[in-house]
Protein backbone atom coordinates (compact mmCIF):
# COMPACT_ATOMS: atom_id res chain seq x y z
CA MET A 1 0.10 0.01 -0.36
CA ILE A 2 1.14 3.31 -0.74
CA LEU A 3 2.15 5.78 1.71
CA GLY A 4 0.03 8.69 1.58
CA SER A 5 -3.80 9.79 1.15
CA THR A 6 -3.06 12.44 -1.90
CA PRO A 7 -1.75 12.40 -4.86
CA ALA A 8 1.85 13.52 -5.14
CA ALA A 9 3.29 15.56 -7.97
CA ALA A 10 3.20 14.51 -10.86
CA LEU A 11 6.44 12.74 -11.78
CA GLY A 12 7.30 11.52 -15.37
CA THR A 13 5.15 11.70 -18.45
CA PRO A 14 1.47 9.54 -18.12
CA VAL A 15 1.59 6.16 -19.70
CA GLN A 16 -1.12 4.81 -21.35
CA GLY A 17 -1.82 0.75 -21.64
CA ALA A 18 -4.71 -1.56 -22.85
CA GLY A 19 -5.74 -5.15 -22.74
CA SER A 20 -6.41 -8.32 -20.48
CA THR A 21 -9.77 -8.19 -18.39
CA TRP A 22 -7.94 -11.18 -16.92
CA VAL A 23 -5.79 -9.43 -15.11
CA GLN A 24 -7.65 -5.62 -14.46
CA ILE A 25 -8.76 -5.99 -11.28
CA ALA A 26 -4.74 -6.43 -10.15
CA LEU A 27 -3.69 -3.72 -12.97
CA ASP A 28 -6.14 -1.19 -11.69
CA GLN A 29 -5.15 -1.44 -8.20
CA TRP A 30 -1.66 -1.37 -8.68
CA ARG A 31 -2.14 1.48 -10.65
CA ALA A 32 -4.43 3.40 -8.10
CA ASP A 33 -1.25 2.19 -5.72
CA ILE A 34 1.39 4.21 -7.70
CA ALA A 35 -0.91 6.92 -8.62
CA LYS A 36 -0.60 8.18 -5.02
CA GLN A 37 3.06 8.76 -5.41
CA GLY A 38 2.79 11.07 -8.31
CA TYR A 39 2.87 8.30 -10.58
CA SER A 40 0.45 8.01 -14.32
CA VAL A 41 -0.57 5.05 -15.82
CA ASN A 42 -4.08 4.48 -17.38
CA TYR A 43 -4.93 1.24 -18.52
CA GLN A 44 -8.19 -0.02 -20.19
CA GLY A 45 -9.54 -3.59 -20.35
CA VAL A 46 -10.51 -3.87 -23.89
CA GLY A 47 -9.54 -7.62 -24.27
CA SER A 48 -6.36 -9.48 -24.79
CA SER A 49 -6.98 -9.25 -28.78
CA ALA A 50 -7.56 -5.12 -29.05
CA GLY A 51 -4.76 -4.86 -26.45
CA ARG A 52 -1.97 -6.02 -28.68
CA SER A 53 -3.27 -4.75 -31.54
CA PHE A 54 -3.61 -1.03 -30.24
CA TYR A 55 0.27 -1.85 -29.42
CA ILE A 56 0.89 -2.75 -32.95
CA GLN A 57 -0.54 0.01 -34.00
CA GLY A 58 1.42 2.09 -31.47
CA GLN A 59 -2.05 3.83 -29.51
CA VAL A 60 -0.49 2.21 -26.36
CA ASP A 61 2.97 2.31 -24.47
CA PHE A 62 2.09 -0.89 -22.89
CA ALA A 63 -0.23 -3.96 -23.26
CA ALA A 64 -1.59 -6.73 -21.43
CA SER A 65 -2.12 -10.40 -22.54
CA GLU A 66 -2.80 -14.45 -21.69
CA ILE A 67 -1.44 -15.40 -25.19
CA PRO A 68 1.65 -13.77 -27.06
CA PHE A 69 1.30 -12.54 -30.50
CA GLN A 70 0.47 -14.92 -32.90
CA PRO A 71 2.00 -14.88 -36.36
CA ASP A 72 0.24 -13.01 -38.21
CA GLU A 73 0.50 -10.24 -35.34
CA VAL A 74 4.19 -11.01 -35.77
CA LYS A 75 4.23 -10.02 -39.59
CA GLN A 76 2.75 -6.67 -38.47
CA LEU A 77 4.90 -6.01 -35.76
CA ASN A 78 7.33 -6.67 -38.35
CA SER A 79 7.04 -4.77 -40.53
CA VAL A 80 6.31 -1.84 -39.16
CA GLY A 81 9.21 -1.89 -37.44
CA LYS A 82 8.09 -2.66 -33.59
CA HIS A 83 9.93 -4.30 -30.85
CA TRP A 84 8.34 -5.91 -27.89
CA GLN A 85 9.71 -8.22 -24.49
CA TYR A 86 7.14 -10.11 -22.21
CA LEU A 87 7.27 -9.77 -18.75
CA PRO A 88 5.15 -12.04 -16.12
CA ASP A 89 2.65 -9.61 -13.89
CA VAL A 90 0.91 -12.25 -12.26
CA ALA A 91 -0.59 -15.70 -11.70
CA GLY A 92 -3.83 -16.71 -11.66
CA GLY A 93 -6.58 -19.46 -11.98
CA THR A 94 -9.17 -19.23 -15.04
CA SER A 95 -12.57 -20.11 -12.96
CA LEU A 96 -15.64 -21.54 -13.81
CA MET A 97 -18.45 -19.16 -11.51
CA TYR A 98 -21.82 -20.62 -11.55
CA ASN A 99 -24.88 -19.04 -9.83
CA LEU A 100 -27.35 -22.67 -8.94
CA HIS A 101 -29.68 -23.15 -6.32
CA ALA A 102 -30.63 -26.08 -3.87
CA PRO A 103 -34.76 -26.98 -4.13
CA ASP A 104 -34.78 -25.15 -1.10
CA GLY A 105 -33.71 -21.62 -3.06
CA SER A 106 -30.06 -21.62 -0.83
CA ARG A 107 -27.38 -20.97 -2.93
CA ILE A 108 -25.32 -23.65 -4.16
CA GLY A 109 -21.56 -22.98 -3.35
CA CYS A 110 -19.18 -20.62 -0.78
CA ILE A 111 -16.22 -18.57 -0.77
CA PRO A 112 -12.80 -21.09 0.23
CA ASP A 113 -10.54 -19.87 2.92
CA GLN A 114 -6.67 -19.59 1.85
CA HIS A 115 -6.40 -23.27 1.96
CA GLY A 116 -8.62 -23.74 -0.88
CA ALA A 117 -11.56 -25.67 2.06
CA THR A 118 -15.07 -25.42 1.51
CA ASN A 119 -17.76 -25.83 4.20
CA CYS A 120 -20.75 -25.91 1.76
CA PRO A 121 -22.22 -28.61 -1.00
CA HIS A 122 -20.52 -27.29 -4.21
CA LEU A 123 -19.99 -27.86 -7.64
CA GLN A 124 -17.51 -30.01 -9.29
CA LEU A 125 -16.43 -30.63 -12.72
CA ASP A 126 -14.09 -32.10 -14.96
CA ALA A 127 -12.47 -30.70 -18.00
CA ASP A 128 -14.79 -33.06 -19.97
CA ALA A 129 -18.11 -31.51 -18.38
CA ALA A 130 -16.58 -27.98 -18.60
CA GLY A 131 -16.20 -28.55 -22.36
CA LYS A 132 -19.39 -30.03 -23.18
CA ILE A 133 -21.09 -26.78 -21.05
CA PHE A 134 -18.96 -24.79 -23.08
CA THR A 135 -19.37 -26.30 -26.74
CA GLY A 136 -23.08 -27.23 -26.38
CA GLY A 137 -22.60 -30.98 -25.62
CA ILE A 138 -24.39 -30.75 -22.03
CA THR A 139 -27.40 -28.65 -21.65
CA ARG A 140 -29.61 -29.59 -18.58
CA TRP A 141 -27.75 -29.45 -14.76
CA GLN A 142 -29.27 -33.04 -14.27
CA ASP A 143 -27.35 -34.61 -16.92
CA PRO A 144 -26.14 -37.75 -16.20
CA GLU A 145 -22.28 -36.84 -16.00
CA ILE A 146 -22.49 -33.74 -13.89
CA GLN A 147 -24.46 -36.08 -11.40
CA ALA A 148 -21.83 -38.52 -11.28
CA LEU A 149 -19.44 -35.34 -10.54
CA ASN A 150 -21.66 -34.71 -7.85
CA PRO A 151 -23.32 -37.26 -5.75
CA GLY A 152 -25.71 -36.16 -3.19
CA LEU A 153 -25.86 -32.56 -4.75
CA THR A 154 -29.61 -31.34 -6.08
CA ILE A 155 -29.80 -28.62 -8.38
CA LYS A 156 -33.13 -26.38 -8.57
CA GLU A 157 -32.12 -25.11 -11.96
CA THR A 158 -32.23 -27.22 -14.86
CA ARG A 159 -31.39 -25.38 -17.58
CA ILE A 160 -27.33 -24.58 -18.29
CA GLN A 161 -27.01 -21.03 -19.22
CA PRO A 162 -23.52 -20.68 -20.63
CA VAL A 163 -21.89 -16.87 -20.74
CA ILE A 164 -18.82 -16.62 -22.97
CA ARG A 165 -16.73 -14.06 -23.99
CA SER A 166 -17.75 -11.71 -27.22
CA ASP A 167 -14.62 -10.37 -27.53
CA GLY A 168 -11.22 -11.20 -28.34
CA SER A 169 -10.19 -12.40 -24.72
CA GLY A 170 -6.93 -14.01 -23.30
CA THR A 171 -9.31 -16.31 -20.88
CA SER A 172 -10.75 -17.49 -23.78
CA ALA A 173 -7.70 -18.22 -25.30
CA GLN A 174 -6.49 -20.25 -21.93
CA PHE A 175 -9.89 -22.01 -21.30
CA SER A 176 -9.51 -23.29 -25.12
CA LEU A 177 -5.86 -24.60 -24.35
CA PHE A 178 -6.68 -26.57 -21.01
CA LEU A 179 -9.36 -27.95 -22.83
CA ALA A 180 -7.47 -28.80 -25.84
CA ASP A 181 -5.13 -30.78 -23.81
CA GLN A 182 -7.07 -32.14 -20.97
CA ALA A 183 -10.25 -32.96 -22.82
CA PRO A 184 -9.09 -33.01 -26.72
CA SER A 185 -12.18 -35.16 -27.96
CA VAL A 186 -14.67 -32.64 -26.68
CA TRP A 187 -12.71 -29.80 -27.78
CA ASN A 188 -11.33 -30.50 -30.69
CA ALA A 189 -14.17 -31.47 -32.73
CA PHE A 190 -16.25 -28.00 -31.74
CA ALA A 191 -12.68 -26.20 -32.58
CA GLN A 192 -12.58 -27.98 -36.32
CA ALA A 193 -16.59 -27.33 -36.80
CA ASN A 194 -16.34 -23.03 -35.66
CA GLY A 195 -12.35 -22.86 -37.24
CA CYS A 196 -11.01 -22.15 -33.85
CA PRO A 197 -8.10 -24.17 -32.65
CA ALA A 198 -6.56 -23.38 -29.69
CA PRO A 199 -5.69 -21.03 -28.38
CA CYS A 200 -8.77 -19.64 -29.54
CA SER A 201 -9.36 -15.98 -28.77
CA GLN A 202 -12.49 -15.52 -30.03
CA TRP A 203 -15.45 -18.04 -28.59
CA PRO A 204 -18.07 -19.20 -31.61
CA GLN A 205 -21.20 -18.45 -30.62
CA PHE A 206 -23.14 -21.89 -29.97
CA GLY A 207 -26.44 -22.95 -29.33
CA SER A 208 -28.04 -20.74 -26.33
CA ALA A 209 -24.97 -19.52 -25.19
CA TYR A 210 -25.09 -15.62 -23.58
CA SER A 211 -21.95 -13.66 -24.90
CA ALA A 212 -20.62 -10.90 -22.81
CA SER A 213 -17.75 -8.26 -23.61
CA GLY A 214 -14.95 -8.89 -21.07
CA SER A 215 -14.47 -10.11 -17.84
CA ASP A 216 -16.89 -7.80 -16.10
CA SER A 217 -19.71 -8.41 -17.91
CA VAL A 218 -19.53 -12.12 -17.63
CA ALA A 219 -19.54 -12.13 -13.99
CA ASN A 220 -22.30 -9.20 -13.78
CA PHE A 221 -24.75 -11.69 -15.93
CA VAL A 222 -23.77 -15.00 -14.01
CA SER A 223 -24.00 -12.89 -10.32
CA ASN A 224 -27.38 -11.82 -11.45
CA ASP A 225 -30.49 -13.69 -9.70
CA SER A 226 -32.94 -12.48 -12.23
CA LEU A 227 -31.10 -13.45 -15.12
CA GLY A 228 -28.39 -15.37 -14.11
CA SER A 229 -30.35 -18.56 -12.43
CA GLY A 230 -28.50 -21.50 -13.90
CA ALA A 231 -25.51 -19.84 -15.13
CA ILE A 232 -22.15 -20.64 -15.98
CA GLY A 233 -19.13 -18.54 -16.89
CA TYR A 234 -15.46 -18.49 -17.03
CA VAL A 235 -13.47 -15.56 -15.62
CA GLU A 236 -10.47 -14.94 -13.57
CA ALA A 237 -11.49 -15.92 -9.97
CA GLY A 238 -11.37 -13.01 -8.45
CA TYR A 239 -13.97 -11.11 -10.25
CA ALA A 240 -16.11 -14.33 -8.67
CA TYR A 241 -14.93 -14.08 -5.03
CA GLY A 242 -14.94 -10.36 -5.14
CA ARG A 243 -18.78 -10.66 -6.19
CA GLY A 244 -19.16 -13.02 -3.33
CA PHE A 245 -20.17 -16.05 -5.72
CA PRO A 246 -18.43 -19.56 -5.56
CA VAL A 247 -16.58 -21.41 -8.62
CA GLY A 248 -16.42 -24.85 -9.07
CA SER A 249 -14.08 -27.09 -7.88
CA LEU A 250 -11.91 -28.38 -10.51
CA HIS A 251 -10.66 -32.03 -11.02
CA ASN A 252 -7.09 -32.74 -11.02
CA ALA A 253 -4.44 -35.09 -12.52
CA SER A 254 -4.75 -36.82 -8.75
CA GLY A 255 -8.34 -36.99 -8.97
CA GLY A 256 -9.05 -34.87 -6.08
CA PHE A 257 -11.18 -31.33 -6.86
CA THR A 258 -9.64 -28.03 -5.75
CA GLN A 259 -10.70 -24.36 -6.02
CA PRO A 260 -8.24 -21.46 -7.61
CA VAL A 261 -6.81 -20.05 -4.53
CA SER A 262 -3.07 -18.45 -4.18
CA ALA A 263 -1.85 -21.47 -2.88
CA ASN A 264 -3.45 -24.26 -5.17
CA ILE A 265 -2.12 -22.19 -8.25
CA ALA A 266 1.03 -22.03 -7.27
CA THR A 267 1.23 -25.69 -7.00
CA ALA A 268 0.05 -26.22 -10.28
CA LEU A 269 2.69 -23.78 -11.48
CA ARG A 270 5.32 -25.31 -9.99
CA HIS A 271 5.32 -27.30 -13.15
CA ALA A 272 4.86 -24.66 -15.84
CA THR A 273 7.81 -24.28 -17.69
CA LEU A 274 9.11 -20.65 -19.62
CA ASN A 275 10.60 -20.31 -23.18
CA ALA A 276 13.45 -17.61 -23.49
CA ASP A 277 11.09 -14.97 -24.09
CA LEU A 278 9.10 -15.89 -20.98
CA THR A 279 6.42 -17.36 -23.26
CA GLN A 280 5.04 -19.95 -20.87
CA ASN A 281 4.16 -23.85 -21.89
CA LEU A 282 1.41 -25.03 -19.31
CA THR A 283 0.79 -28.72 -20.14
CA ALA A 284 3.20 -29.49 -16.96
CA SER A 285 0.49 -27.41 -15.05
CA TYR A 286 -2.45 -29.28 -16.23
CA ARG A 287 -1.33 -32.56 -15.22
CA ALA A 288 0.08 -31.56 -11.94
CA PRO A 289 -0.04 -34.78 -9.90
CA GLU A 290 -0.40 -32.83 -6.52
CA PRO A 291 -3.89 -33.62 -4.66
CA THR A 292 -4.09 -29.59 -3.63
CA ALA A 293 -3.51 -28.37 -7.64
CA TYR A 294 -5.84 -26.41 -9.38
CA ALA A 295 -5.16 -27.52 -12.91
CA MET A 296 -6.42 -24.67 -15.00
CA SER A 297 -3.61 -21.76 -13.63
CA SER A 298 -1.43 -19.68 -15.63
CA TYR A 299 0.65 -16.63 -15.66
CA SER A 300 -0.67 -12.97 -17.41
CA TYR A 301 2.02 -10.84 -19.66
CA MET A 302 2.79 -7.29 -19.51
CA ILE A 303 3.84 -6.16 -23.53
CA THR A 304 6.57 -3.28 -23.52
CA PRO A 305 9.15 -1.89 -25.78
CA THR A 306 12.62 -2.10 -25.53
CA MET A 307 15.66 -0.22 -26.18
CA GLN A 308 15.30 -0.89 -29.63
CA SER A 309 12.01 0.80 -29.89
CA SER A 310 12.82 3.95 -31.49
CA GLY A 311 10.93 6.94 -30.62
CA PHE A 312 9.77 5.62 -26.74
CA ASP A 313 9.78 8.66 -24.59
CA PRO A 314 12.47 7.84 -21.61
CA GLY A 315 10.08 9.86 -19.24
CA LYS A 316 7.35 7.39 -19.79
CA GLY A 317 10.22 4.41 -19.57
CA LEU A 318 10.66 5.75 -15.98
CA VAL A 319 7.16 5.53 -14.90
CA LEU A 320 6.37 2.25 -16.41
CA GLY A 321 9.61 0.62 -15.21
CA THR A 322 8.70 2.01 -12.02
CA TRP A 323 5.30 0.92 -11.92
CA ILE A 324 6.77 -2.44 -13.37
CA ILE A 325 9.07 -2.37 -10.20
CA TYR A 326 6.02 -2.35 -7.58
CA ILE A 327 4.00 -5.17 -8.97
CA ALA A 328 6.71 -7.60 -9.18
CA CYS A 329 7.51 -6.47 -5.67
CA ALA A 330 5.00 -4.88 -2.97
CA GLY A 331 2.22 -5.44 -5.45
CA GLN A 332 2.45 -9.22 -4.87
CA ARG A 333 1.35 -8.57 -1.57
CA GLU A 334 -2.28 -8.19 -2.73
CA ALA A 335 -2.04 -10.61 -5.68
CA ALA A 336 -3.47 -13.17 -2.92
CA PRO A 337 -6.11 -10.84 -1.70
CA LEU A 338 -7.23 -9.98 -5.19
CA GLY A 339 -8.00 -13.82 -6.21
CA TYR A 340 -4.42 -14.33 -7.76
CA SER A 341 -1.22 -15.95 -6.92
CA PRO A 342 2.33 -13.39 -6.40
CA LEU A 343 5.12 -14.48 -8.62
CA PRO A 344 8.17 -16.47 -7.78
CA PRO A 345 11.92 -14.90 -7.33
CA ASN A 346 12.97 -15.89 -10.47
CA LEU A 347 10.55 -13.89 -12.33
CA ILE A 348 10.62 -10.93 -10.04
CA GLN A 349 14.28 -11.29 -11.53
CA ALA A 350 12.87 -11.83 -15.22
CA ASP A 351 10.71 -8.14 -14.43
CA PHE A 352 13.77 -6.23 -13.50
CA ASP A 353 16.07 -7.78 -16.70
CA ALA A 354 12.71 -6.43 -18.46
CA VAL A 355 13.07 -3.10 -16.65
CA ASN A 356 16.23 -2.42 -17.91
CA ARG A 357 15.37 -3.09 -21.61
CA ILE A 358 13.50 -0.33 -21.20
CA PRO A 359 14.53 3.08 -22.27
CA GLY A 360 14.61 5.48 -19.38
CA HIS A 361 14.11 3.19 -16.70
CA PRO A 362 14.89 3.57 -13.18
CA VAL A 363 17.32 1.48 -11.23
CA THR A 364 16.13 -1.80 -9.90
CA PRO A 365 16.44 -2.58 -6.49
CA PRO A 366 18.42 -5.50 -4.79
CA LEU A 367 16.73 -8.89 -5.06
CA ASP A 368 15.10 -9.36 -1.66
CA TYR A 369 13.01 -8.78 1.01
CA ALA A 370 14.18 -5.52 2.43
CA HIS A 371 13.74 -3.77 -0.69
CA CYS A 372 11.38 -5.91 -2.40
CA PRO A 373 8.73 -6.95 -0.35
CA ASN A 374 7.22 -9.84 -2.60
CA PRO A 375 6.07 -12.93 -0.19
CA THR A 376 7.66 -15.06 -1.82
CA LEU A 377 11.11 -13.62 -1.10
CA VAL A 378 10.72 -15.02 2.71
CA SER A 379 12.56 -18.13 3.03
CA ASP A 380 9.65 -20.19 4.84
CA TYR A 381 6.86 -18.81 2.20
CA GLY A 382 4.77 -21.25 1.76
CA GLY A 383 1.65 -19.97 -0.42
CA GLY A 384 3.00 -18.56 -3.40
CA PRO A 385 4.81 -20.15 -6.86
CA ARG A 386 7.79 -22.27 -6.89
CA ALA A 387 10.32 -21.45 -9.47
CA PRO A 388 9.14 -23.31 -12.90
CA THR A 389 11.62 -25.12 -14.32
CA ASN A 390 13.40 -24.04 -17.25
CA ALA A 391 12.79 -20.28 -16.38
CA PRO A 392 15.52 -17.82 -18.26
CA ARG A 393 18.21 -16.84 -15.46
CA SER A 394 19.96 -13.73 -15.32
CA GLY A 395 23.11 -13.71 -15.44
CA GLY A 396 23.69 -17.61 -15.22
CA THR A 397 22.16 -16.79 -11.67
CA VAL A 398 18.78 -17.09 -9.72
CA GLN A 399 18.25 -16.16 -6.11
CA THR A 400 15.82 -18.49 -4.46
CA ALA A 401 12.97 -18.18 -1.40
CA SER A 402 15.93 -20.20 0.37
CA GLY A 403 19.06 -18.63 -0.86
CA PRO A 404 20.90 -15.33 0.71
CA ALA A 405 18.63 -12.78 -1.22
CA ALA A 406 15.68 -13.91 1.39
CA THR A 407 17.92 -14.06 4.70
CA ALA A 408 19.70 -11.02 4.16
CA ALA A 409 17.36 -9.06 5.97
CA ALA A 410 14.59 -10.09 8.51
CA ALA A 411 11.19 -9.24 7.27
CA PRO A 412 9.62 -6.18 8.14
CA THR A 413 6.67 -6.01 10.67
CA ALA A 414 3.35 -4.20 9.47
CA ALA A 415 4.16 -1.05 10.73
CA GLU A 416 7.58 -0.49 8.97
CA SER A 417 7.86 1.20 5.41
CA ILE A 418 10.02 -0.42 2.77
CA LYS A 419 11.71 2.24 0.02
CA LEU A 420 12.06 0.31 -3.49
CA GLY A 421 15.22 1.31 -4.55
CA PRO A 422 16.84 4.67 -5.58
CA GLY A 423 14.37 7.43 -5.22
CA GLN A 424 11.70 5.14 -5.86
CA VAL A 425 8.04 4.25 -3.96
CA LEU A 426 7.85 4.11 -0.46
CA VAL A 427 5.27 1.36 0.52
CA GLN A 428 3.78 0.49 4.11
CA LEU A 429 3.01 -3.38 4.65
CA LEU A 430 -0.85 -4.08 4.99
CA ASN A 431 -2.32 -4.87 7.93
CA ALA A 432 -5.14 -8.41 7.81
CA ALA A 433 -7.98 -6.23 8.25
CA GLN A 434 -6.03 -3.93 4.91
CA ARG A 435 -5.72 -7.04 3.06
CA SER A 436 -9.59 -8.44 3.09
CA ALA A 437 -10.55 -4.64 2.07
CA ILE A 438 -8.37 -4.58 -1.06
CA LEU A 439 -10.56 -7.01 -3.50
CA ALA A 440 -13.41 -4.93 -2.89
CA ARG A 441 -11.87 -1.45 -3.48
CA ALA A 442 -9.68 -2.90 -6.51
CA LEU A 443 -13.03 -4.02 -7.83
CA ASP A 444 -14.57 -0.62 -7.49
CA ILE A 445 -11.21 1.05 -8.89
CA ALA A 446 -12.19 -1.18 -12.14
CA ARG A 447 -15.63 -0.43 -12.99
CA ARG A 448 -14.92 3.63 -12.28
CA ALA A 449 -11.61 2.98 -14.88
CA VAL A 450 -11.18 6.56 -16.55
CA PRO A 451 -10.55 6.18 -19.97
CA PRO A 452 -7.01 6.57 -21.04
CA ALA A 453 -6.54 10.71 -22.34
CA SER A 454 -4.92 9.84 -25.10
CA THR A 455 -6.48 11.09 -28.45
CA PRO A 456 -5.10 8.52 -30.58
CA LEU A 457 -6.13 5.66 -28.58
CA PHE A 458 -9.62 7.26 -28.09
CA LEU A 459 -10.04 7.60 -31.69
CA SER A 460 -9.33 4.19 -32.79
CA ALA A 461 -11.37 2.72 -29.95
CA LEU A 462 -14.61 4.71 -30.75
CA ALA A 463 -15.81 2.07 -32.78
CA LEU A 464 -15.10 -0.49 -30.07
CA LEU A 465 -16.76 1.74 -27.47
CA LEU A 466 -19.85 2.40 -29.31
CA LEU A 467 -19.99 -1.56 -29.96
CA VAL A 468 -19.10 -2.72 -26.74
CA PHE A 469 -18.61 -0.57 -23.89
CA VAL A 470 -22.31 1.72 -24.36
CA PRO A 471 -23.93 -1.21 -23.95
CA ILE A 472 -23.07 -1.35 -20.41
CA LEU A 473 -25.21 1.57 -19.78
CA SER A 474 -28.45 0.07 -20.81
CA ASP A 475 -30.23 -2.80 -19.19
CA VAL A 476 -28.65 -5.95 -19.35
CA GLY A 477 -32.14 -7.80 -19.39
CA ARG A 478 -32.16 -6.57 -22.63
CA GLY A 479 -29.81 -8.77 -23.58
CA LYS A 480 -26.48 -6.63 -24.31
CA SER A 481 -23.31 -6.84 -22.47
CA GLY A 482 -20.50 -4.82 -20.98
CA ARG A 483 -16.83 -3.98 -21.64
CA GLY A 484 -14.48 -6.04 -19.25
């Protein structure tokens, strides 16, 4: 949490970004944090595909996406001489948010504790059943396959109302990659029939599926009892938890059913592998053998310029780099309360390396808890991800949570403040009450987010605003959806 309650004098040049709604809860919280020190970061959750397109066209300074540039996009980047790099900003779990009731009218499901335990009846799904629900193969909650997965659970609703993304979405892409690996016969038939192989960013319309633009709109529909009774949609878990709604427990390789809480996401991502450019291979995470692993876990990417990016304003580089340092360090303390999972030490170092490739970048701090209060830098930390195997290493070495970087300084108490680096941002550690309030505040920030002041971005997004954002203002009962 940034010290001070009033904005400081503006530092550097305002930075514009756009893209993923999967990570928007976290990004909006972090940019609100950094604004209190005078750094201006604007972000619009318009979907991963639109964010990547804006970056290619030079209309934003950074983008956020759950999938990297696709081959045709790489050709466009090369044709205009654009340079880019990927860096991880947070880990999370794509979840299956639902609105179901028992015959007596009571809601099925509840919010899990920090260990993923629930003390109520809740929906259990495996990849096959989830795949059939979101491709039209299962249309009734009383289907024998769902009943077999949920012995003793009686669902009042009959008709399943799937809620899919109408916009180009990294969440859709991640869900399709999971299904392609874990339910290939279901997914491949659907993908071939609709011409959208994984990663499928633009989910094909099918049957009675309701289409909504952005994660917020998906979650709004599912959580609306007058419209969403019987509904199920796919969103990052924070969108469901922030509304007090349950998500399905997902079957994993050990035969267990788990919730997408921080520790379970971390467990699955221990098995992720990273390519040299920091893009991810999640095949082993989907198949993680631990009984607590949440199989549909992944990282989100931030896409930024590099030193080869001619004409990029160093003043923007200062702001962008300072923000990334905050995200990688103190910002990760907010990851679990927001419904995500913090980055491990090797990816903190990867983010620092990426900062040093941005024109005008600030000085990066030492990789220890005293300078970078990421919870995974505490030697006894057990709730966050370990370093994925095959991860890129800076200078041939990586500081781990049990190494010198973690033991160089004792973890500060909640009353202490920490300086992230020379001339950079002061942070104050959060107490339990503050952490519990973060998610509600972040969701409110996301809903009230002010559009970027950039005129080129505004003009380029005008059609998107008319087609996607304006319907938020209309009654959802008319069957329209808002932005994410």
